[in-house]
């Protein structure tokens, strides 16, 4: 699974946290790409349901704006 965001969505460092990595900030940091995005990849089994959020600088948690499935404050994705 590749998580990607536009560069301008969050300033500074940004990582993805969720039930797949025990919500560890910084464990899956999104890296700048030449195509104007930042991304990281995580290996998960097909059919897995993920709860996740992105963590920007200053402890700012936010959801993926392109994913409509939200449960409480978490984004929900099925791989």
Protein backbone atom coordinates (compact mmCIF):
# COMPACT_ATOMS: atom_id res chain seq x y z
CA UNK A 1 0.00 0.00 0.00
CA UNK A 2 1.40 3.39 -0.95
CA UNK A 3 0.29 6.46 0.96
CA UNK A 4 0.74 9.71 -0.96
CA UNK A 5 -0.15 13.35 -0.35
CA UNK A 6 0.47 16.56 -2.30
CA UNK A 7 3.51 18.46 -0.99
CA UNK A 8 1.45 21.52 -0.06
CA UNK A 9 -1.04 19.64 2.12
CA UNK A 10 1.24 19.65 5.16
CA UNK A 11 4.34 21.69 5.82
CA UNK A 12 7.42 20.12 7.33
CA UNK A 13 7.69 16.46 8.20
CA UNK A 14 4.69 14.17 7.80
CA UNK A 15 4.08 10.51 8.60
CA UNK A 16 1.20 8.06 8.44
CA UNK A 17 0.07 6.22 11.53
CA UNK A 18 -2.58 3.61 12.04
CA UNK A 19 -3.50 0.22 13.34
CA UNK A 20 -0.98 -1.31 10.90
CA UNK A 21 1.98 0.29 12.74
CA UNK A 22 0.57 0.67 16.26
CA UNK A 23 0.03 4.40 15.63
CA UNK A 24 3.77 5.10 15.96
CA UNK A 25 4.50 8.66 14.85
CA UNK A 26 7.42 8.86 12.42
CA UNK A 27 7.60 5.13 11.74
CA UNK A 28 6.35 5.59 8.17
CA UNK A 29 7.48 9.08 7.23
CA UNK A 30 6.37 10.38 3.85
CA UNK A 31 9.34 11.38 1.66
CA UNK A 32 9.37 14.11 -0.97
CA UNK A 33 9.10 12.87 -4.56
CA UNK A 34 9.98 14.67 -7.80
CA UNK A 35 6.36 14.42 -8.99
CA UNK A 36 5.13 16.98 -6.42
CA UNK A 37 3.99 14.50 -3.79
CA UNK A 38 5.36 12.87 -0.69
CA UNK A 39 4.80 9.17 -0.09
CA UNK A 40 5.68 6.00 1.80
CA UNK A 41 4.83 2.35 1.28
CA UNK A 42 3.64 -0.24 3.77
CA UNK A 43 3.20 -3.97 3.19
CA UNK A 44 -0.26 -5.24 4.15
CA UNK A 45 -2.33 -8.20 2.97
CA UNK A 46 -4.98 -7.71 0.30
CA UNK A 47 -8.43 -7.23 1.84
CA UNK A 48 -7.02 -5.66 5.02
CA UNK A 49 -9.11 -2.87 6.56
CA UNK A 50 -6.89 -0.03 7.79
CA UNK A 51 -7.58 2.79 10.26
CA UNK A 52 -5.16 5.63 9.74
CA UNK A 53 -4.38 9.33 9.98
CA UNK A 54 -1.50 11.52 8.93
CA UNK A 55 0.66 13.36 11.44
CA UNK A 56 2.14 16.69 10.43
CA UNK A 57 4.46 19.01 12.29
CA UNK A 58 3.44 20.27 15.74
CA UNK A 59 1.32 17.18 16.48
CA UNK A 60 -1.30 18.04 13.86
CA UNK A 61 -3.22 14.83 13.00
CA UNK A 62 -5.36 14.95 9.84
CA UNK A 63 -7.24 12.67 7.45
CA UNK A 64 -6.60 12.01 3.78
CA UNK A 65 -8.79 14.57 1.95
CA UNK A 66 -9.30 12.14 -0.95
CA UNK A 67 -10.82 9.36 1.18
CA UNK A 68 -14.48 9.74 2.13
CA UNK A 69 -14.72 6.71 4.44
CA UNK A 70 -14.18 8.04 7.97
CA UNK A 71 -15.01 6.39 11.30
CA UNK A 72 -14.82 8.85 14.17
CA UNK A 73 -11.61 10.76 13.56
CA UNK A 74 -9.90 8.02 11.51
CA UNK A 75 -9.70 7.43 7.78
CA UNK A 76 -10.76 3.90 6.77
CA UNK A 77 -9.23 2.12 3.77
CA UNK A 78 -9.65 -1.44 2.52
CA UNK A 79 -6.63 -2.60 0.53
